[in-house]
């Protein structure tokens, strides 16, 4: 993981420029397949941002989000831009997605189209930090008076929604009337983040009311303003996300080589290297060099068995299980290479794996112990 970098993606050039205007010391960064990013620093902070343009649509957003995560291993992945309001959210206000609907999922039956959406929930940690940013209000120094942040669901589809009376509008009203805004990229980004165990934040400025006024003079006026407001909130949020990451790193580090205590609730088997367990408290020694390196290949094999069991018991969905197996494959190959780059890749794969299966107490604790041990030995 790149502990001081957040990836921000946008769909449109005005959105890209809104974020770019808040960065300094920009330098180009080119992916091997031609995707171009710019990496800079949020003005007045040490927060680094890798900025990229995806184009419109969930599919392209998902592919380039996956590419950005693989390329940068960021602390968080953000999508920043404009959206249409569904139920009167004021123009220029900002919406932070607590959940994302992929609303075009459905089944056509004799009595009509039945909704079968997919839904992703923003992580509790990221949502809490976003609420903090909104409460403190420093971001409002950079936006017009009266601009507010809203927290709620965002609907992401495959078409531009520009009517309140069309069949599509009625479908959304009937099935997704708790969504605050509508756009075309968040579902792809959310899926890419889910499969990679990455923190995802969707931040949108309201540029129209999805009521037939898109492409009007008013829309052309509001779009850059809404994009600028979203960029302001997003960059303040990025800085806070990195501060939180630094706090966690300091809390978990132990330069003196003393024991670390981890409290675990629930049930499950916990594998530890050089540690003791008492009740629900695990005390892990983080200076195990004198004990000899653990057999990482064997531990990865045990993790495979654990995850296969959790999947067979219905505790891991198919997509997450396949993504977890992919990270284990990367870790296996990396540790076998016995090179500095391989060791770095091994740790990053474990971190991504930990994010994917964080809700499984036993395997998650094993991964945390392996990461700590790897940092000590590799």
Protein backbone atom coordinates (compact mmCIF):
# COMPACT_ATOMS: atom_id res chain seq x y z
CA UNK A 1 0.00 0.00 0.00
CA UNK A 2 1.17 3.52 -0.82
CA UNK A 3 0.48 5.11 2.56
CA UNK A 4 0.59 8.73 1.38
CA UNK A 5 -1.40 8.53 -1.84
CA UNK A 6 -5.08 8.59 -2.80
CA UNK A 7 -6.29 7.87 -6.33
CA UNK A 8 -8.96 10.25 -7.66
CA UNK A 9 -10.76 9.37 -10.88
CA UNK A 10 -13.13 11.53 -12.92
CA UNK A 11 -15.31 10.84 -15.94
CA UNK A 12 -15.23 14.23 -17.66
CA UNK A 13 -12.58 16.82 -18.40
CA UNK A 14 -14.29 19.61 -16.37
CA UNK A 15 -14.26 17.27 -13.37
CA UNK A 16 -10.61 16.42 -14.00
CA UNK A 17 -9.70 20.11 -14.20
CA UNK A 18 -11.60 20.86 -10.96
CA UNK A 19 -9.46 18.36 -9.06
CA UNK A 20 -6.27 19.29 -10.90
CA UNK A 21 -6.73 22.96 -9.93
CA UNK A 22 -6.41 21.93 -6.28
CA UNK A 23 -3.10 20.12 -6.77
CA UNK A 24 0.47 21.33 -7.10
CA UNK A 25 3.84 19.88 -8.11
CA UNK A 26 2.17 17.73 -10.74
CA UNK A 27 4.14 15.14 -12.66
CA UNK A 28 2.97 12.61 -15.26
CA UNK A 29 2.72 8.90 -14.48
CA UNK A 30 2.09 6.54 -17.38
CA UNK A 31 0.78 3.00 -17.03
CA UNK A 32 2.40 0.36 -19.25
CA UNK A 33 -0.84 0.04 -21.24
CA UNK A 34 -0.99 3.75 -22.01
CA UNK A 35 -3.28 5.08 -19.28
CA UNK A 36 -2.02 8.46 -18.17
CA UNK A 37 -2.22 9.75 -14.61
CA UNK A 38 -0.91 12.90 -12.99
CA UNK A 39 0.48 12.73 -9.47
CA UNK A 40 0.50 15.86 -7.35
CA UNK A 41 0.03 17.17 -3.83
CA UNK A 42 -3.09 18.78 -2.39
CA UNK A 43 -2.14 22.41 -1.76
CA UNK A 44 -1.14 23.09 1.83
CA UNK A 45 -0.83 19.39 2.72
CA UNK A 46 1.45 16.41 2.25
CA UNK A 47 -1.43 14.43 0.74
CA UNK A 48 -0.46 12.98 -2.64
CA UNK A 49 -3.15 12.38 -5.26
CA UNK A 50 -2.94 10.32 -8.44
CA UNK A 51 -5.49 11.80 -10.83
CA UNK A 52 -6.96 9.93 -13.79
CA UNK A 53 -9.70 10.27 -16.42
CA UNK A 54 -11.95 7.27 -17.11
CA UNK A 55 -14.53 8.57 -19.55
CA UNK A 56 -18.26 7.94 -19.14
CA UNK A 57 -19.82 4.71 -17.94
CA UNK A 58 -19.53 2.07 -15.25
CA UNK A 59 -17.56 -0.34 -17.44
CA UNK A 60 -14.70 2.00 -18.29
CA UNK A 61 -14.69 3.34 -14.74
CA UNK A 62 -14.37 -0.20 -13.35
CA UNK A 63 -11.51 -1.16 -15.67
CA UNK A 64 -9.48 1.97 -15.00
CA UNK A 65 -10.23 1.84 -11.26
CA UNK A 66 -8.84 -1.71 -11.22
CA UNK A 67 -5.82 -0.51 -13.19
CA UNK A 68 -5.23 2.42 -10.81
CA UNK A 69 -5.44 0.20 -7.72
CA UNK A 70 -2.98 -2.28 -9.20
CA UNK A 71 -0.62 0.48 -10.33
CA UNK A 72 -0.57 2.61 -7.17
CA UNK A 73 -1.87 0.40 -4.28
CA UNK A 74 -3.43 3.56 -2.80
CA UNK A 75 -4.75 4.26 0.67
CA UNK A 76 -8.14 4.94 -0.92
CA UNK A 77 -9.86 5.20 -4.29
CA UNK A 78 -12.17 8.16 -4.92
CA UNK A 79 -14.46 9.06 -7.78
CA UNK A 80 -15.15 12.76 -8.04
CA UNK A 81 -17.51 14.61 -10.34
CA UNK A 82 -21.04 15.79 -11.00
CA UNK A 83 -24.43 14.09 -10.83
CA UNK A 84 -28.11 14.79 -11.31
CA UNK A 85 -30.31 15.26 -8.26
CA UNK A 86 -33.35 13.02 -7.91
CA UNK A 87 -35.44 14.66 -5.22
CA UNK A 88 -34.55 18.32 -5.22
CA UNK A 89 -31.06 18.38 -3.71
CA UNK A 90 -29.91 21.98 -4.36
CA UNK A 91 -27.66 22.71 -7.30
CA UNK A 92 -24.02 23.00 -6.29
CA UNK A 93 -24.41 20.90 -3.13
CA UNK A 94 -22.23 17.84 -2.61
CA UNK A 95 -23.44 14.26 -2.14
CA UNK A 96 -21.25 11.64 -0.48
CA UNK A 97 -22.39 8.10 -1.28
CA UNK A 98 -23.12 5.96 1.77
CA UNK A 99 -24.30 3.24 -0.63
CA UNK A 100 -24.22 2.76 -4.39
CA UNK A 101 -27.04 1.17 -6.39
CA UNK A 102 -26.36 -0.48 -9.75
CA UNK A 103 -29.99 0.08 -10.62
CA UNK A 104 -30.15 -1.45 -14.10
CA UNK A 105 -30.15 -5.02 -12.80
CA UNK A 106 -33.55 -6.68 -13.30
CA UNK A 107 -35.62 -9.47 -14.75
CA UNK A 108 -38.37 -9.04 -17.35
CA UNK A 109 -41.53 -11.00 -16.53
CA UNK A 110 -45.06 -11.12 -17.92
CA UNK A 111 -46.27 -8.59 -15.37
CA UNK A 112 -43.39 -6.19 -15.79
CA UNK A 113 -39.75 -5.52 -15.04
CA UNK A 114 -38.64 -6.60 -11.57
CA UNK A 115 -35.67 -4.82 -9.96
CA UNK A 116 -32.59 -6.88 -9.14
CA UNK A 117 -30.00 -4.25 -8.26
CA UNK A 118 -26.56 -4.73 -6.80
CA UNK A 119 -25.63 -2.57 -3.85
CA UNK A 120 -22.30 -1.60 -2.30
CA UNK A 121 -21.93 0.09 1.07
CA UNK A 122 -19.15 2.55 1.78
CA UNK A 123 -16.89 1.33 4.57
CA UNK A 124 -17.74 2.53 8.05
CA UNK A 125 -14.29 4.05 8.50
CA UNK A 126 -14.45 6.16 5.33
CA UNK A 127 -18.04 7.23 6.01
CA UNK A 128 -17.09 8.34 9.53
CA UNK A 129 -14.18 10.42 8.24
CA UNK A 130 -16.41 12.00 5.59
CA UNK A 131 -18.97 12.93 8.25
CA UNK A 132 -16.14 14.49 10.26
CA UNK A 133 -15.03 16.56 7.26
CA UNK A 134 -18.60 17.78 6.79
CA UNK A 135 -19.01 18.66 10.48
CA UNK A 136 -15.73 20.54 10.82
CA UNK A 137 -16.57 22.48 7.69
CA UNK A 138 -13.07 23.59 6.65
CA UNK A 139 -13.88 22.56 3.07
CA UNK A 140 -16.56 25.27 2.95
CA UNK A 141 -13.86 27.93 2.91
CA UNK A 142 -13.29 26.97 -0.72
CA UNK A 143 -16.91 26.88 -1.92
CA UNK A 144 -19.71 29.47 -2.18
CA UNK A 145 -21.69 30.31 0.96
CA UNK A 146 -24.65 28.02 1.49
CA UNK A 147 -23.07 24.96 -0.12
CA UNK A 148 -23.79 21.85 1.92
CA UNK A 149 -22.79 18.17 2.00
CA UNK A 150 -25.42 15.43 1.97
CA UNK A 151 -25.00 11.75 2.83
CA UNK A 152 -27.09 9.09 1.14
CA UNK A 153 -27.49 6.64 -1.70
CA UNK A 154 -26.33 7.25 -5.24
CA UNK A 155 -27.86 5.39 -8.17
CA UNK A 156 -25.49 4.44 -11.00
CA UNK A 157 -26.87 3.29 -14.34
CA UNK A 158 -25.91 3.00 -17.97
CA UNK A 159 -27.78 5.96 -19.47
CA UNK A 160 -27.94 9.73 -19.05
CA UNK A 161 -31.08 10.40 -17.00
CA UNK A 162 -32.70 13.65 -18.11
CA UNK A 163 -36.43 13.39 -17.42
CA UNK A 164 -38.87 13.20 -14.53
CA UNK A 165 -41.72 11.62 -16.55
CA UNK A 166 -40.05 8.99 -18.74
CA UNK A 167 -40.48 5.24 -18.17
CA UNK A 168 -36.94 5.18 -16.80
CA UNK A 169 -37.75 7.99 -14.35
CA UNK A 170 -40.85 6.15 -13.15
CA UNK A 171 -38.79 2.95 -12.71
CA UNK A 172 -36.27 4.79 -10.55
CA UNK A 173 -39.01 6.50 -8.55
CA UNK A 174 -40.79 3.18 -7.92
CA UNK A 175 -37.73 1.15 -6.95
CA UNK A 176 -34.96 3.53 -5.81
CA UNK A 177 -36.72 6.49 -4.27
CA UNK A 178 -34.20 6.71 -1.42
CA UNK A 179 -31.36 7.68 -3.79
CA UNK A 180 -30.26 11.32 -3.66
CA UNK A 181 -28.41 11.49 -6.97
CA UNK A 182 -27.96 9.62 -10.22
CA UNK A 183 -24.87 9.11 -12.40
CA UNK A 184 -23.03 6.53 -14.53
CA UNK A 185 -19.72 5.47 -12.92
CA UNK A 186 -20.04 4.74 -9.19
CA UNK A 187 -21.14 1.10 -9.56
CA UNK A 188 -18.06 0.20 -11.59
CA UNK A 189 -15.73 1.91 -9.16
CA UNK A 190 -17.44 0.32 -6.16
CA UNK A 191 -17.09 -3.16 -7.68
CA UNK A 192 -13.40 -2.62 -8.46
CA UNK A 193 -12.81 -1.47 -4.89
CA UNK A 194 -14.73 -4.43 -3.48
CA UNK A 195 -12.71 -6.96 -5.47
CA UNK A 196 -9.43 -5.36 -4.40
CA UNK A 197 -10.27 -4.75 -0.74
CA UNK A 198 -9.77 -1.02 -1.31
CA UNK A 199 -11.48 1.85 0.49
CA UNK A 200 -13.80 3.66 -1.94
CA UNK A 201 -15.39 7.11 -1.68
CA UNK A 202 -17.84 8.58 -4.21
CA UNK A 203 -18.18 12.38 -4.09
CA UNK A 204 -20.57 14.17 -6.45
CA UNK A 205 -21.57 17.77 -6.95
CA UNK A 206 -25.15 18.39 -8.10
CA UNK A 207 -25.10 20.04 -11.53
CA UNK A 208 -28.73 19.46 -12.63
CA UNK A 209 -32.03 18.06 -11.42
CA UNK A 210 -32.25 15.22 -14.00
CA UNK A 211 -35.38 16.97 -15.26
CA UNK A 212 -34.74 17.80 -18.91
CA UNK A 213 -32.37 20.70 -18.32
CA UNK A 214 -29.12 18.86 -19.11
CA UNK A 215 -27.17 20.54 -21.89
CA UNK A 216 -28.99 23.81 -21.27
CA UNK A 217 -27.24 27.12 -20.58
CA UNK A 218 -27.98 26.64 -16.87
CA UNK A 219 -26.40 23.20 -16.90
CA UNK A 220 -23.28 24.49 -18.63
CA UNK A 221 -23.05 27.12 -15.92
CA UNK A 222 -23.60 24.76 -13.00
CA UNK A 223 -21.44 21.86 -14.15
CA UNK A 224 -18.03 23.49 -13.46
CA UNK A 225 -19.32 24.96 -10.20
CA UNK A 226 -20.63 21.61 -8.99
CA UNK A 227 -17.40 19.89 -10.05
CA UNK A 228 -15.33 22.46 -8.13
CA UNK A 229 -17.43 21.95 -4.99
CA UNK A 230 -17.06 18.17 -5.21
CA UNK A 231 -13.31 18.55 -5.72
CA UNK A 232 -13.06 20.76 -2.62
CA UNK A 233 -14.82 18.22 -0.41
CA UNK A 234 -12.89 15.32 -1.96
CA UNK A 235 -9.44 16.83 -1.42
CA UNK A 236 -10.19 17.68 2.22
CA UNK A 237 -11.48 14.12 2.64
CA UNK A 238 -8.34 12.69 1.04
CA UNK A 239 -6.12 14.60 3.46
CA UNK A 240 -8.15 13.32 6.42
CA UNK A 241 -8.02 9.75 5.12
CA UNK A 242 -4.23 9.92 5.04
CA UNK A 243 -4.10 11.43 8.53
CA UNK A 244 -6.20 8.52 9.77
CA UNK A 245 -3.87 6.07 8.04
CA UNK A 246 -0.86 7.67 9.70
CA UNK A 247 -2.61 7.46 13.07
CA UNK A 248 -3.32 3.75 12.61
CA UNK A 249 0.25 3.11 11.50
CA UNK A 250 1.64 4.87 14.56
CA UNK A 251 -0.76 3.01 16.82
CA UNK A 252 0.25 -0.34 15.36
CA UNK A 253 3.98 0.30 15.16
CA UNK A 254 6.29 -0.67 17.98
CA UNK A 255 9.79 0.65 17.50
CA UNK A 256 10.90 -0.63 20.91
CA UNK A 257 10.12 -4.23 19.97
CA UNK A 258 7.57 -4.70 22.75
CA UNK A 259 4.37 -6.75 22.54
CA UNK A 260 1.29 -5.73 20.58
CA UNK A 261 -2.16 -6.54 21.96
CA UNK A 262 -5.06 -7.34 19.65
CA UNK A 263 -8.61 -7.81 20.96
CA UNK A 264 -10.73 -10.25 18.97
CA UNK A 265 -14.47 -10.82 19.31
CA UNK A 266 -16.40 -13.72 17.87
CA UNK A 267 -15.18 -17.22 17.14
CA UNK A 268 -12.55 -18.64 14.86
CA UNK A 269 -9.09 -20.09 14.79
CA UNK A 270 -6.31 -17.54 15.10
CA UNK A 271 -2.82 -18.31 13.85
CA UNK A 272 -0.06 -16.27 15.48
CA UNK A 273 3.70 -16.13 15.16
CA UNK A 274 5.51 -15.63 18.48
CA UNK A 275 2.44 -14.67 20.47
CA UNK A 276 0.23 -15.71 23.37
CA UNK A 277 -3.55 -15.87 23.68
CA UNK A 278 -5.59 -15.25 26.80
CA UNK A 279 -9.35 -15.27 26.41
CA UNK A 280 -10.15 -12.81 23.61
CA UNK A 281 -6.82 -10.99 23.87
CA UNK A 282 -3.89 -11.84 21.64
CA UNK A 283 -0.45 -10.56 22.62
CA UNK A 284 1.89 -10.62 19.66
CA UNK A 285 5.61 -10.05 19.88
CA UNK A 286 6.68 -7.86 16.96
CA UNK A 287 10.41 -8.46 17.28
CA UNK A 288 10.57 -12.13 16.24
CA UNK A 289 13.82 -12.05 14.30
CA UNK A 290 15.59 -14.14 16.91
CA UNK A 291 12.93 -16.87 16.61
CA UNK A 292 13.52 -17.51 12.90
CA UNK A 293 11.32 -16.61 9.97
CA UNK A 294 7.89 -18.26 9.71
CA UNK A 295 7.17 -20.60 6.83
CA UNK A 296 5.15 -18.15 4.75
CA UNK A 297 4.34 -20.70 2.04
CA UNK A 298 2.81 -23.04 4.64
CA UNK A 299 0.82 -20.21 6.20
CA UNK A 300 -0.56 -19.23 2.79
CA UNK A 301 -1.60 -22.84 2.20
CA UNK A 302 -3.46 -22.83 5.52
CA UNK A 303 -5.16 -19.59 4.57
CA UNK A 304 -6.33 -21.18 1.32
CA UNK A 305 -7.96 -24.00 3.28
CA UNK A 306 -9.58 -21.53 5.68
CA UNK A 307 -11.04 -19.42 2.90
CA UNK A 308 -12.25 -22.47 0.98
CA UNK A 309 -14.08 -23.60 4.11
CA UNK A 310 -15.61 -20.15 4.69
CA UNK A 311 -16.76 -20.07 1.05
CA UNK A 312 -18.33 -23.52 1.30
CA UNK A 313 -20.18 -22.39 4.44
CA UNK A 314 -21.57 -19.35 2.65
CA UNK A 315 -19.49 -16.81 4.56
CA UNK A 316 -17.71 -15.60 1.39
CA UNK A 317 -19.57 -14.74 -1.81
CA UNK A 318 -18.23 -16.06 -5.10
CA UNK A 319 -16.71 -12.77 -6.32
CA UNK A 320 -14.88 -12.11 -3.06
CA UNK A 321 -13.63 -15.69 -2.87
CA UNK A 322 -12.22 -15.56 -6.40
CA UNK A 323 -10.57 -12.20 -5.68
CA UNK A 324 -9.09 -13.59 -2.46
CA UNK A 325 -7.71 -16.61 -4.31
CA UNK A 326 -6.13 -14.25 -6.81
CA UNK A 327 -4.34 -12.35 -4.03
CA UNK A 328 -3.11 -15.63 -2.56
CA UNK A 329 -1.74 -16.60 -5.99
CA UNK A 330 0.11 -13.28 -6.17
CA UNK A 331 1.48 -13.76 -2.64
CA UNK A 332 2.62 -17.33 -3.41
CA UNK A 333 4.46 -16.27 -6.54
CA UNK A 334 5.96 -13.22 -4.84
CA UNK A 335 7.35 -15.07 -1.81
CA UNK A 336 8.83 -17.75 -4.05
CA UNK A 337 10.80 -15.15 -6.03
CA UNK A 338 12.92 -14.25 -2.97
CA UNK A 339 13.67 -10.75 -4.26
CA UNK A 340 13.14 -7.32 -2.64
CA UNK A 341 10.40 -6.52 -5.16
CA UNK A 342 8.80 -9.91 -4.55
CA UNK A 343 8.78 -9.34 -0.79
CA UNK A 344 7.12 -5.96 -1.26
CA UNK A 345 4.51 -7.52 -3.55
CA UNK A 346 3.90 -10.26 -0.96
CA UNK A 347 3.04 -7.71 1.75
CA UNK A 348 0.80 -5.68 -0.56
CA UNK A 349 -1.10 -8.82 -1.62
CA UNK A 350 -1.67 -9.74 2.03
CA UNK A 351 -2.95 -6.24 2.78
CA UNK A 352 -5.41 -6.40 -0.10
CA UNK A 353 -6.48 -9.87 1.00
CA UNK A 354 -7.04 -8.58 4.54
CA UNK A 355 -9.32 -5.86 3.19
CA UNK A 356 -11.33 -8.37 1.18
CA UNK A 357 -12.09 -10.72 4.08
CA UNK A 358 -12.03 -8.23 6.98
CA UNK A 359 -15.38 -9.49 8.29
CA UNK A 360 -14.02 -13.02 8.87
CA UNK A 361 -12.44 -12.69 12.29
CA UNK A 362 -10.19 -15.77 12.29
CA UNK A 363 -8.66 -15.47 8.79
CA UNK A 364 -8.36 -11.69 9.16
CA UNK A 365 -6.37 -12.12 12.36
CA UNK A 366 -4.08 -14.63 10.65
CA UNK A 367 -3.43 -12.20 7.83
CA UNK A 368 -2.71 -9.35 10.25
CA UNK A 369 -0.20 -11.57 12.04
CA UNK A 370 1.42 -12.58 8.75
CA UNK A 371 1.74 -8.94 7.65
CA UNK A 372 3.37 -8.02 10.96
CA UNK A 373 5.72 -10.99 10.72
CA UNK A 374 6.56 -10.23 7.10
CA UNK A 375 7.51 -6.68 7.95
CA UNK A 376 9.83 -8.02 10.61
CA UNK A 377 11.53 -10.68 8.51
CA UNK A 378 11.41 -9.65 4.87
